[in-house]
PDB file of N, CA and C in Angstrom:
ATOM      1  N   MET A   1      28.992  32.341  21.774  1.00  0.00           N
ATOM      2  CA  MET A   1      28.400  33.761  20.835  1.00  0.00           C
ATOM      3  C   MET A   1      28.939  34.484  20.537  1.00  0.00           C
ATOM      4  N   LYS A   2      28.661  35.321  19.221  1.00  0.00           N
ATOM      5  CA  LYS A   2      29.555  35.959  18.675  1.00  0.00           C
ATOM      6  C   LYS A   2      29.395  37.335  19.153  1.00  0.00           C
ATOM      7  N   THR A   3      30.156  37.869  18.765  1.00  0.00           N
ATOM      8  CA  THR A   3      30.618  39.482  19.531  1.00  0.00           C
ATOM      9  C   THR A   3      30.781  40.547  18.378  1.00  0.00           C
ATOM     10  N   ALA A   4      30.037  41.497  18.210  1.00  0.00           N
ATOM     11  CA  ALA A   4      30.302  42.555  17.775  1.00  0.00           C
ATOM     12  C   ALA A   4      30.753  43.692  18.008  1.00  0.00           C
ATOM     13  N   THR A   5      31.451  45.260  17.586  1.00  0.00           N
ATOM     14  CA  THR A   5      31.465  45.788  18.101  1.00  0.00           C
ATOM     15  C   THR A   5      30.734  46.669  17.358  1.00  0.00           C
ATOM     16  N   ILE A   6      30.296  48.381  17.887  1.00  0.00           N
ATOM     17  CA  ILE A   6      29.161  49.213  17.582  1.00  0.00           C
ATOM     18  C   ILE A   6      29.335  49.355  16.258  1.00  0.00           C
ATOM     19  N   THR A   7      30.700  49.685  15.494  1.00  0.00           N
ATOM     20  CA  THR A   7      31.050  49.998  14.321  1.00  0.00           C
ATOM     21  C   THR A   7      30.509  48.784  13.309  1.00  0.00           C
ATOM     22  N   GLU A   8      30.749  47.992  14.030  1.00  0.00           N
ATOM     23  CA  GLU A   8      30.961  45.717  12.824  1.00  0.00           C
ATOM     24  C   GLU A   8      29.278  45.824  12.983  1.00  0.00           C
ATOM     25  N   THR A   9      28.779  46.708  13.523  1.00  0.00           N
ATOM     26  CA  THR A   9      27.083  46.015  14.031  1.00  0.00           C
ATOM     27  C   THR A   9      26.585  47.130  12.893  1.00  0.00           C
ATOM     28  N   LYS A  10      26.722  48.291  12.273  1.00  0.00           N
ATOM     29  CA  LYS A  10      26.581  49.704  11.715  1.00  0.00           C
ATOM     30  C   LYS A  10      27.190  49.130  10.405  1.00  0.00           C
ATOM     31  N   ASN A  11      27.590  48.730  10.259  1.00  0.00           N
ATOM     32  CA  ASN A  11      28.465  47.913   8.877  1.00  0.00           C
ATOM     33  C   ASN A  11      27.708  46.809   8.126  1.00  0.00           C
ATOM     34  N   GLN A  12      27.610  45.643   9.007  1.00  0.00           N
ATOM     35  CA  GLN A  12      27.213  44.191   9.085  1.00  0.00           C
ATOM     36  C   GLN A  12      26.118  44.023   9.565  1.00  0.00           C
ATOM     37  N   LEU A  13      24.762  45.417   9.476  1.00  0.00           N
ATOM     38  CA  LEU A  13      23.559  44.927   9.843  1.00  0.00           C
ATOM     39  C   LEU A  13      22.904  43.591   9.682  1.00  0.00           C
ATOM     40  N   SER A  14      22.413  43.617   8.100  1.00  0.00           N
ATOM     41  CA  SER A  14      22.176  42.635   7.407  1.00  0.00           C
ATOM     42  C   SER A  14      22.528  40.906   7.653  1.00  0.00           C
ATOM     43  N   ALA A  15      23.982  41.184   7.610  1.00  0.00           N
ATOM     44  CA  ALA A  15      24.849  39.824   8.245  1.00  0.00           C
ATOM     45  C   ALA A  15      24.187  39.188   9.202  1.00  0.00           C
ATOM     46  N   LEU A  16      24.955  40.328  10.260  1.00  0.00           N
ATOM     47  CA  LEU A  16      24.328  39.854  11.930  1.00  0.00           C
ATOM     48  C   LEU A  16      22.642  39.164  11.898  1.00  0.00           C
ATOM     49  N   LEU A  17      21.736  40.092  11.485  1.00  0.00           N
ATOM     50  CA  LEU A  17      20.479  39.694  11.772  1.00  0.00           C
ATOM     51  C   LEU A  17      20.104  37.975  10.960  1.00  0.00           C
ATOM     52  N   ASP A  18      21.204  38.129   9.539  1.00  0.00           N
ATOM     53  CA  ASP A  18      21.225  36.598   9.080  1.00  0.00           C
ATOM     54  C   ASP A  18      21.284  35.885  10.157  1.00  0.00           C
ATOM     55  N   ARG A  19      22.716  35.992  11.012  1.00  0.00           N
ATOM     56  CA  ARG A  19      22.861  34.739  11.976  1.00  0.00           C
ATOM     57  C   ARG A  19      21.964  34.706  13.486  1.00  0.00           C
ATOM     58  N   VAL A  20      21.254  35.837  13.462  1.00  0.00           N
ATOM     59  CA  VAL A  20      20.452  35.879  14.342  1.00  0.00           C
ATOM     60  C   VAL A  20      18.723  35.068  14.102  1.00  0.00           C
ATOM     61  N   ARG A  21      18.541  35.072  13.006  1.00  0.00           N
ATOM     62  CA  ARG A  21      17.463  34.533  12.187  1.00  0.00           C
ATOM     63  C   ARG A  21      17.673  33.334  12.211  1.00  0.00           C
ATOM     64  N   ARG A  22      18.952  32.512  12.237  1.00  0.00           N
ATOM     65  CA  ARG A  22      19.171  31.232  11.989  1.00  0.00           C
ATOM     66  C   ARG A  22      19.412  30.699  13.339  1.00  0.00           C
ATOM     67  N   GLY A  23      18.933  31.389  14.535  1.00  0.00           N
ATOM     68  CA  GLY A  23      19.626  31.104  15.527  1.00  0.00           C
ATOM     69  C   GLY A  23      20.401  31.419  16.415  1.00  0.00           C
ATOM     70  N   GLU A  24      21.839  32.247  16.295  1.00  0.00           N
ATOM     71  CA  GLU A  24      22.473  32.832  16.931  1.00  0.00           C
ATOM     72  C   GLU A  24      21.974  34.058  17.704  1.00  0.00           C
ATOM     73  N   THR A  25      23.318  34.357  18.373  1.00  0.00           N
ATOM     74  CA  THR A  25      23.046  35.344  19.621  1.00  0.00           C
ATOM     75  C   THR A  25      23.963  36.372  19.569  1.00  0.00           C
ATOM     76  N   ILE A  26      23.666  37.828  19.322  1.00  0.00           N
ATOM     77  CA  ILE A  26      25.288  38.695  18.687  1.00  0.00           C
ATOM     78  C   ILE A  26      25.225  39.302  20.500  1.00  0.00           C
ATOM     79  N   LEU A  27      26.289  39.560  20.825  1.00  0.00           N
ATOM     80  CA  LEU A  27      26.598  40.538  22.051  1.00  0.00           C
ATOM     81  C   LEU A  27      27.356  41.648  21.140  1.00  0.00           C
ATOM     82  N   ILE A  28      26.787  43.337  21.139  1.00  0.00           N
ATOM     83  CA  ILE A  28      27.696  44.269  20.816  1.00  0.00           C
ATOM     84  C   ILE A  28      28.383  45.052  21.741  1.00  0.00           C
ATOM     85  N   LEU A  29      29.167  45.213  21.544  1.00  0.00           N
ATOM     86  CA  LEU A  29      30.249  45.837  22.806  1.00  0.00           C
ATOM     87  C   LEU A  29      30.448  47.608  22.155  1.00  0.00           C
ATOM     88  N   ASP A  30      30.983  47.982  23.122  1.00  0.00           N
ATOM     89  CA  ASP A  30      31.235  49.576  23.030  1.00  0.00           C
ATOM     90  C   ASP A  30      32.285  49.742  23.902  1.00  0.00           C
ATOM     91  N   ARG A  31      34.018  49.827  23.141  1.00  0.00           N
ATOM     92  CA  ARG A  31      34.965  49.401  23.683  1.00  0.00           C
ATOM     93  C   ARG A  31      35.429  48.777  24.415  1.00  0.00           C
ATOM     94  N   GLY A  32      34.703  47.336  24.067  1.00  0.00           N
ATOM     95  CA  GLY A  32      35.368  46.087  24.949  1.00  0.00           C
ATOM     96  C   GLY A  32      34.227  45.892  25.770  1.00  0.00           C
ATOM     97  N   ARG A  33      33.645  46.341  26.200  1.00  0.00           N
ATOM     98  CA  ARG A  33      32.057  46.221  27.224  1.00  0.00           C
ATOM     99  C   ARG A  33      31.001  46.251  27.134  1.00  0.00           C
ATOM    100  N   PRO A  34      29.793  44.984  27.077  1.00  0.00           N
ATOM    101  CA  PRO A  34      28.758  44.710  26.403  1.00  0.00           C
ATOM    102  C   PRO A  34      28.154  45.328  26.807  1.00  0.00           C
ATOM    103  N   VAL A  35      27.405  45.905  25.875  1.00  0.00           N
ATOM    104  CA  VAL A  35      26.005  47.086  25.712  1.00  0.00           C
ATOM    105  C   VAL A  35      24.812  46.888  25.244  1.00  0.00           C
ATOM    106  N   ALA A  36      24.540  45.411  24.862  1.00  0.00           N
ATOM    107  CA  ALA A  36      23.364  44.803  23.941  1.00  0.00           C
ATOM    108  C   ALA A  36      23.579  43.588  23.615  1.00  0.00           C
ATOM    109  N   ARG A  37      22.413  42.994  23.591  1.00  0.00           N
ATOM    110  CA  ARG A  37      22.855  41.626  22.900  1.00  0.00           C
ATOM    111  C   ARG A  37      21.689  41.094  21.768  1.00  0.00           C
ATOM    112  N   LEU A  38      21.341  40.891  20.518  1.00  0.00           N
ATOM    113  CA  LEU A  38      20.823  40.865  19.554  1.00  0.00           C
ATOM    114  C   LEU A  38      20.474  39.213  19.241  1.00  0.00           C
ATOM    115  N   ALA A  39      18.857  39.091  19.549  1.00  0.00           N
ATOM    116  CA  ALA A  39      18.414  37.924  19.556  1.00  0.00           C
ATOM    117  C   ALA A  39      17.266  37.946  18.815  1.00  0.00           C
ATOM    118  N   SER A  40      17.259  36.509  18.656  1.00  0.00           N
ATOM    119  CA  SER A  40      15.917  36.354  17.658  1.00  0.00           C
ATOM    120  C   SER A  40      14.588  36.680  19.059  1.00  0.00           C
ATOM    121  N   ILE A  41      13.703  37.035  18.093  1.00  0.00           N
ATOM    122  CA  ILE A  41      12.309  36.905  19.349  1.00  0.00           C
ATOM    123  C   ILE A  41      11.625  35.260  18.901  1.00  0.00           C
ATOM    124  N   VAL A  42      11.841  35.029  17.799  1.00  0.00           N
ATOM    125  CA  VAL A  42      10.916  33.782  17.357  1.00  0.00           C
ATOM    126  C   VAL A  42      11.832  32.407  17.886  1.00  0.00           C
ATOM    127  N   GLY A  43      10.443  31.934  18.957  1.00  0.00           N
ATOM    128  CA  GLY A  43      11.255  30.735  19.092  1.00  0.00           C
ATOM    129  C   GLY A  43      11.343  30.744  21.117  1.00  0.00           C
ATOM    130  N   ALA A  44      11.644  32.254  21.088  1.00  0.00           N
ATOM    131  CA  ALA A  44      11.769  32.736  22.194  1.00  0.00           C
ATOM    132  C   ALA A  44      13.029  32.966  23.216  1.00  0.00           C
ATOM    133  N   ALA A  45      12.395  32.186  24.925  1.00  0.00           N
ATOM    134  CA  ALA A  45      13.256  32.986  25.610  1.00  0.00           C
ATOM    135  C   ALA A  45      14.103  31.881  25.934  1.00  0.00           C
ATOM    136  N   GLU A  46      15.582  32.104  26.624  1.00  0.00           N
ATOM    137  CA  GLU A  46      16.193  31.309  27.394  1.00  0.00           C
ATOM    138  C   GLU A  46      15.745  30.139  27.763  1.00  0.00           C
ATOM    139  N   ASP A  47      15.256  30.484  29.112  1.00  0.00           N
ATOM    140  CA  ASP A  47      14.607  29.660  29.466  1.00  0.00           C
ATOM    141  C   ASP A  47      14.115  28.471  28.658  1.00  0.00           C
ATOM    142  N   ASP A  48      13.474  28.777  27.508  1.00  0.00           N
ATOM    143  CA  ASP A  48      12.616  27.268  26.931  1.00  0.00           C
ATOM    144  C   ASP A  48      13.616  26.121  26.620  1.00  0.00           C
ATOM    145  N   ALA A  49      13.522  25.188  26.844  1.00  0.00           N
ATOM    146  CA  ALA A  49      14.211  23.734  27.016  1.00  0.00           C
ATOM    147  C   ALA A  49      14.035  22.951  25.539  1.00  0.00           C
ATOM    148  N   ASP A  50      12.726  23.368  24.750  1.00  0.00           N
ATOM    149  CA  ASP A  50      12.923  23.282  23.637  1.00  0.00           C
ATOM    150  C   ASP A  50      12.843  23.916  22.344  1.00  0.00           C
ATOM    151  N   GLY A  51      13.084  25.241  23.048  1.00  0.00           N
ATOM    152  CA  GLY A  51      13.693  26.198  22.314  1.00  0.00           C
ATOM    153  C   GLY A  51      14.971  25.935  21.732  1.00  0.00           C
ATOM    154  N   ARG A  52      15.997  26.182  22.907  1.00  0.00           N
ATOM    155  CA  ARG A  52      17.342  25.532  23.173  1.00  0.00           C
ATOM    156  C   ARG A  52      17.899  24.328  22.436  1.00  0.00           C
ATOM    157  N   LEU A  53      16.620  23.154  22.652  1.00  0.00           N
ATOM    158  CA  LEU A  53      17.377  21.515  21.650  1.00  0.00           C
ATOM    159  C   LEU A  53      16.940  22.145  20.470  1.00  0.00           C
ATOM    160  N   ALA A  54      16.246  22.827  20.138  1.00  0.00           N
ATOM    161  CA  ALA A  54      15.445  22.743  18.824  1.00  0.00           C
ATOM    162  C   ALA A  54      16.641  23.301  18.222  1.00  0.00           C
ATOM    163  N   ARG A  55      17.349  24.972  18.636  1.00  0.00           N
ATOM    164  CA  ARG A  55      18.714  25.461  17.850  1.00  0.00           C
ATOM    165  C   ARG A  55      19.363  24.656  17.566  1.00  0.00           C
ATOM    166  N   LEU A  56      19.673  23.724  19.147  1.00  0.00           N
ATOM    167  CA  LEU A  56      20.788  22.992  18.884  1.00  0.00           C
ATOM    168  C   LEU A  56      20.876  21.686  17.685  1.00  0.00           C
ATOM    169  N   GLU A  57      19.788  21.497  17.539  1.00  0.00           N
ATOM    170  CA  GLU A  57      19.335  20.313  16.740  1.00  0.00           C
ATOM    171  C   GLU A  57      19.697  20.824  15.089  1.00  0.00           C
ATOM    172  N   ARG A  58      19.178  22.093  15.214  1.00  0.00           N
ATOM    173  CA  ARG A  58      19.253  22.749  14.075  1.00  0.00           C
ATOM    174  C   ARG A  58      20.643  22.965  13.149  1.00  0.00           C
ATOM    175  N   ASP A  59      21.710  23.343  14.687  1.00  0.00           N
ATOM    176  CA  ASP A  59      23.294  23.578  14.402  1.00  0.00           C
ATOM    177  C   ASP A  59      23.859  21.728  14.261  1.00  0.00           C
ATOM    178  N   ALA A  60      23.108  21.013  14.390  1.00  0.00           N
ATOM    179  CA  ALA A  60      23.796  19.502  13.804  1.00  0.00           C
ATOM    180  C   ALA A  60      24.611  19.781  15.646  1.00  0.00           C
ATOM    181  N   ALA A  61      24.528  19.866  16.407  1.00  0.00           N
ATOM    182  CA  ALA A  61      25.371  20.125  17.654  1.00  0.00           C
ATOM    183  C   ALA A  61      24.331  18.540  19.192  1.00  0.00           C
ATOM    184  N   VAL A  62      23.470  17.948  18.052  1.00  0.00           N
ATOM    185  CA  VAL A  62      22.773  16.990  19.325  1.00  0.00           C
ATOM    186  C   VAL A  62      21.598  16.400  18.106  1.00  0.00           C
ATOM    187  N   ARG A  63      21.154  15.152  18.428  1.00  0.00           N
ATOM    188  CA  ARG A  63      20.145  14.799  17.772  1.00  0.00           C
ATOM    189  C   ARG A  63      19.727  13.755  18.552  1.00  0.00           C
ATOM    190  N   ARG A  64      17.902  14.283  18.030  1.00  0.00           N
ATOM    191  CA  ARG A  64      17.136  13.633  19.478  1.00  0.00           C
ATOM    192  C   ARG A  64      17.014  12.026  19.152  1.00  0.00           C
ATOM    193  N   ALA A  65      16.566  11.776  20.237  1.00  0.00           N
ATOM    194  CA  ALA A  65      16.399  10.079  20.343  1.00  0.00           C
ATOM    195  C   ALA A  65      15.249   9.702  19.507  1.00  0.00           C
ATOM    196  N   THR A  66      15.812   8.640  18.925  1.00  0.00           N
ATOM    197  CA  THR A  66      14.340   7.786  18.290  1.00  0.00           C
ATOM    198  C   THR A  66      13.647   7.121  19.224  1.00  0.00           C
ATOM    199  N   ALA A  67      14.018   6.814  19.836  1.00  0.00           N
ATOM    200  CA  ALA A  67      13.611   6.003  20.695  1.00  0.00           C
ATOM    201  C   ALA A  67      13.767   5.756  21.873  1.00  0.00           C
ATOM    202  N   PRO A  68      13.117   5.317  23.143  1.00  0.00           N
ATOM    203  CA  PRO A  68      13.495   5.527  24.875  1.00  0.00           C
ATOM    204  C   PRO A  68      14.763   4.743  24.790  1.00  0.00           C
ATOM    205  N   VAL A  69      15.059   5.148  25.717  1.00  0.00           N
ATOM    206  CA  VAL A  69      16.313   4.116  25.979  1.00  0.00           C
ATOM    207  C   VAL A  69      16.269   3.122  26.743  1.00  0.00           C
ATOM    208  N   PRO A  70      16.876   1.845  26.554  1.00  0.00           N
ATOM    209  CA  PRO A  70      16.322   0.294  27.129  1.00  0.00           C
ATOM    210  C   PRO A  70      16.538   0.578  28.790  1.00  0.00           C
ATOM    211  N   ARG A  71      15.844   0.116  29.086  1.00  0.00           N
ATOM    212  CA  ARG A  71      16.171  -0.475  31.332  1.00  0.00           C
ATOM    213  C   ARG A  71      17.526  -1.073  31.124  1.00  0.00           C
ATOM    214  N   ALA A  72      17.578  -2.019  30.236  1.00  0.00           N
ATOM    215  CA  ALA A  72      18.453  -2.912  30.465  1.00  0.00           C
ATOM    216  C   ALA A  72      20.100  -2.129  30.316  1.00  0.00           C
ATOM    217  N   LEU A  73      19.998  -0.937  29.557  1.00  0.00           N
ATOM    218  CA  LEU A  73      21.469  -0.007  29.488  1.00  0.00           C
ATOM    219  C   LEU A  73      21.217   0.580  30.608  1.00  0.00           C
ATOM    220  N   LEU A  74      20.471   1.433  31.365  1.00  0.00           N
ATOM    221  CA  LEU A  74      20.511   2.037  31.949  1.00  0.00           C
ATOM    222  C   LEU A  74      20.824   1.248  33.426  1.00  0.00           C
ATOM    223  N   ALA A  75      20.278  -0.372  33.914  1.00  0.00           N
ATOM    224  CA  ALA A  75      20.678  -0.918  34.928  1.00  0.00           C
ATOM    225  C   ALA A  75      22.212  -1.338  35.104  1.00  0.00           C
ATOM    226  N   THR A  76      22.479  -1.336  33.764  1.00  0.00           N
ATOM    227  CA  THR A  76      24.138  -2.154  33.785  1.00  0.00           C
ATOM    228  C   THR A  76      25.302  -0.792  34.813  1.00  0.00           C
ATOM    229  N   ARG A  77      26.189  -1.825  35.168  1.00  0.00           N
ATOM    230  CA  ARG A  77      26.563  -0.746  35.420  1.00  0.00           C
ATOM    231  C   ARG A  77      28.205  -0.407  34.717  1.00  0.00           C
ATOM    232  N   PRO A  78      28.649   1.091  34.402  1.00  0.00           N
ATOM    233  CA  PRO A  78      29.661   0.886  33.379  1.00  0.00           C
ATOM    234  C   PRO A  78      30.844   0.732  33.725  1.00  0.00           C
ATOM    235  N   PRO A  79      31.544  -0.025  32.623  1.00  0.00           N
ATOM    236  CA  PRO A  79      32.699  -0.810  32.672  1.00  0.00           C
ATOM    237  C   PRO A  79      33.630  -0.003  33.835  1.00  0.00           C
ATOM    238  N   ARG A  80      34.628  -0.714  34.592  1.00  0.00           N
ATOM    239  CA  ARG A  80      35.729  -0.315  35.169  1.00  0.00           C
ATOM    240  C   ARG A  80      36.794  -0.260  34.582  1.00  0.00           C
ATOM    241  N   PRO A  81      37.780   0.851  35.139  1.00  0.00           N
ATOM    242  CA  PRO A  81      38.917   1.412  34.245  1.00  0.00           C
ATOM    243  C   PRO A  81      40.256   0.213  34.569  1.00  0.00           C
ATOM    244  N   ARG A  82      40.875  -0.234  33.640  1.00  0.00           N
ATOM    245  CA  ARG A  82      41.824  -1.139  34.614  1.00  0.00           C
ATOM    246  C   ARG A  82      42.783  -0.721  35.456  1.00  0.00           C
ATOM    247  N   ALA A  83      43.695  -1.008  36.515  1.00  0.00           N
ATOM    248  CA  ALA A  83      44.122  -0.421  37.432  1.00  0.00           C
ATOM    249  C   ALA A  83      45.842   0.569  36.159  1.00  0.00           C
ATOM    250  N   GLY A  84      45.872   1.237  36.799  1.00  0.00           N
ATOM    251  CA  GLY A  84      47.451   2.276  36.121  1.00  0.00           C
ATOM    252  C   GLY A  84      46.938   2.807  34.478  1.00  0.00           C
ATOM    253  N   THR A  85      45.248   3.210  34.303  1.00  0.00           N
ATOM    254  CA  THR A  85      44.991   3.721  33.576  1.00  0.00           C
ATOM    255  C   THR A  85      44.680   5.065  34.105  1.00  0.00           C
ATOM    256  N   SER A  86      44.650   5.966  32.818  1.00  0.00           N
ATOM    257  CA  SER A  86      44.057   6.879  33.238  1.00  0.00           C
ATOM    258  C   SER A  86      43.453   7.877  32.269  1.00  0.00           C
ATOM    259  N   ALA A  87      42.392   8.342  32.563  1.00  0.00           N
ATOM    260  CA  ALA A  87      41.153   8.873  31.585  1.00  0.00           C
ATOM    261  C   ALA A  87      41.513  10.409  30.826  1.00  0.00           C
ATOM    262  N   SER A  88      42.613  11.248  31.698  1.00  0.00           N
ATOM    263  CA  SER A  88      43.325  11.931  30.703  1.00  0.00           C
ATOM    264  C   SER A  88      44.163  11.682  29.366  1.00  0.00           C
ATOM    265  N   ARG A  89      45.111  10.526  30.033  1.00  0.00           N
ATOM    266  CA  ARG A  89      46.631  10.077  29.464  1.00  0.00           C
ATOM    267  C   ARG A  89      45.315   9.024  27.920  1.00  0.00           C
ATOM    268  N   ALA A  90      44.113   8.525  28.074  1.00  0.00           N
ATOM    269  CA  ALA A  90      43.483   8.069  26.877  1.00  0.00           C
ATOM    270  C   ALA A  90      42.497   9.196  26.432  1.00  0.00           C
ATOM    271  N   LEU A  91      42.559  10.076  26.792  1.00  0.00           N
ATOM    272  CA  LEU A  91      42.010  11.498  25.960  1.00  0.00           C
ATOM    273  C   LEU A  91      43.228  11.854  25.206  1.00  0.00           C
ATOM    274  N   ALA A  92      43.971  12.232  25.794  1.00  0.00           N
ATOM    275  CA  ALA A  92      45.009  12.668  25.139  1.00  0.00           C
ATOM    276  C   ALA A  92      45.711  11.977  23.700  1.00  0.00           C
ATOM    277  N   ALA A  93      46.005  10.443  23.673  1.00  0.00           N
ATOM    278  CA  ALA A  93      45.922   9.282  22.666  1.00  0.00           C
ATOM    279  C   ALA A  93      44.991   9.645  21.816  1.00  0.00           C
ATOM    280  N   GLU A  94      43.677   9.751  22.174  1.00  0.00           N
ATOM    281  CA  GLU A  94      42.662   9.835  21.085  1.00  0.00           C
ATOM    282  C   GLU A  94      42.943  11.080  20.508  1.00  0.00           C
ATOM    283  N   ARG A  95      42.972  11.863  20.882  1.00  0.00           N
ATOM    284  CA  ARG A  95      43.353  13.354  20.105  1.00  0.00           C
ATOM    285  C   ARG A  95      44.582  13.270  19.337  1.00  0.00           C
ATOM    286  N   ARG A  96      45.710  12.716  19.826  1.00  0.00           N
ATOM    287  CA  ARG A  96      46.934  12.790  18.738  1.00  0.00           C
ATOM    288  C   ARG A  96      46.546  12.052  17.632  1.00  0.00           C
ATOM    289  N   GLU A  97      45.704  10.845  17.950  1.00  0.00           N
ATOM    290  CA  GLU A  97      44.978   9.561  16.714  1.00  0.00           C
ATOM    291  C   GLU A  97      44.802  10.661  15.863  1.00  0.00           C
ATOM    292  N   GLY A  98      43.320  12.202  16.414  1.00  0.00           N
ATOM    293  CA  GLY A  98      42.569  12.342  15.336  1.00  0.00           C
ATOM    294  C   GLY A  98      41.176  11.725  15.604  1.00  0.00           C
ATOM    295  N   ARG A  99      40.942  10.991  16.348  1.00  0.00           N
ATOM    296  CA  ARG A  99      39.376  10.903  16.847  1.00  0.00           C
ATOM    297  C   ARG A  99      38.957  11.414  17.728  1.00  0.00           C
TER     298      ARG A  99
END
């Protein structure tokens, strides 16, 4: 969530409203304390799961499935890690390699 001071909000209101139209929410701060939230009324409430999913899809954060998950995939057990392996080491290695 983007934050903006009252002064920034006054000076950049048009730009902030453009961001809100694209689905972002802006938190307005007064001396570092939140006083208001600028959010779109189109598509609606925070607890609207479809609206939230649509925003994430627009932002290219998720992609909806085109077909149901095969039952065989859900029935198989995930692979077991080899002895002596570490998920955190594997993650660190992937980050070093840029994956």
